[in-house]
Amino acid sequence: TDAEVPVASAARVAAYLRAVVDGESRAVIAAPVGTRHTTLLRAARRLGQWVGGGALTSADARMILTAAARGYVGFA
């Protein structure tokens, strides 16, 4: 027998993506000095996976990460 593979609805995928974006944004915002660079790179890699999958544009990912890192000293 062929097993049916469950397919997530568009609404569930969108909700999951929103949760990922919110979580990564909060992590970047809250990153203490000494971990900011690594935290930002990790967030970029995670969002980049969504860009690669076509669920998020690179422009949106860049905007999200830039907004989250805005409080970093010297970050424009």
Protein backbone atom coordinates (compact mmCIF):
# COMPACT_ATOMS: atom_id res chain seq x y z
CA THR A 1 0.00 0.00 0.00
CA ASP A 2 0.98 3.53 -0.65
CA ALA A 3 1.10 5.55 2.54
CA GLU A 4 -0.28 9.04 2.23
CA VAL A 5 2.11 11.77 3.23
CA PRO A 6 0.40 14.49 5.25
CA VAL A 7 0.64 17.91 3.66
CA ALA A 8 0.61 21.02 5.82
CA SER A 9 -1.93 23.64 4.89
CA ALA A 10 -0.75 27.03 3.67
CA ALA A 11 -2.09 28.57 6.88
CA ARG A 12 -0.03 26.19 9.03
CA VAL A 13 3.12 26.85 7.02
CA ALA A 14 2.55 30.61 7.30
CA ALA A 15 1.98 30.32 11.06
CA TYR A 16 5.14 28.24 11.45
CA LEU A 17 7.17 30.70 9.38
CA ARG A 18 5.84 33.59 11.50
CA ALA A 19 6.88 31.74 14.66
CA VAL A 20 10.37 31.12 13.23
CA VAL A 21 10.76 34.78 12.18
CA ASP A 22 9.52 36.03 15.56
CA GLY A 23 11.80 33.66 17.46
CA GLU A 24 14.88 34.54 15.45
CA SER A 25 14.13 38.26 15.72
CA ARG A 26 13.76 37.99 19.51
CA ALA A 27 17.02 36.02 19.73
CA VAL A 28 18.92 38.67 17.75
CA ILE A 29 17.41 41.53 19.75
CA ALA A 30 18.19 39.86 23.09
CA ALA A 31 21.68 38.60 22.22
CA PRO A 32 24.20 39.82 24.77
CA VAL A 33 27.45 41.45 23.77
CA GLY A 34 29.91 38.74 22.81
CA THR A 35 27.25 36.55 21.18
CA ARG A 36 25.61 39.01 18.82
CA HIS A 37 27.58 38.11 15.70
CA THR A 38 27.05 34.38 16.15
CA THR A 39 23.36 34.87 16.97
CA LEU A 40 22.85 37.04 13.89
CA LEU A 41 24.62 34.51 11.66
CA ARG A 42 22.53 31.65 13.07
CA ALA A 43 19.32 33.64 12.45
CA ALA A 44 20.45 34.46 8.91
CA ARG A 45 21.13 30.79 8.22
CA ARG A 46 17.71 29.74 9.53
CA LEU A 47 15.87 32.41 7.58
CA GLY A 48 18.01 31.60 4.56
CA GLN A 49 16.59 28.09 4.56
CA TRP A 50 13.12 29.60 4.16
CA VAL A 51 14.42 31.85 1.38
CA GLY A 52 15.87 28.80 -0.37
CA GLY A 53 12.53 27.03 -0.04
CA GLY A 54 10.70 29.98 -1.56
CA ALA A 55 8.57 30.78 1.49
CA LEU A 56 10.42 34.03 2.27
CA THR A 57 12.09 36.53 -0.03
CA SER A 58 15.70 37.50 0.49
CA ALA A 59 14.62 41.13 0.77
CA ASP A 60 12.20 40.25 3.58
CA ALA A 61 14.83 38.20 5.40
CA ARG A 62 17.33 41.06 5.13
CA MET A 63 14.72 43.55 6.40
CA ILE A 64 13.80 41.30 9.35
CA LEU A 65 17.43 40.78 10.38
CA THR A 66 18.35 44.44 9.92
CA ALA A 67 15.42 45.55 12.07
CA ALA A 68 16.31 43.03 14.78
CA ALA A 69 19.97 44.12 14.87
CA ARG A 70 19.21 47.83 14.82
CA GLY A 71 20.11 48.18 18.51
CA TYR A 72 23.65 46.92 17.98
CA VAL A 73 26.23 49.67 18.34
CA GLY A 74 27.51 50.74 14.93
CA PHE A 75 24.88 48.74 13.02
CA ALA A 76 23.05 50.81 10.43
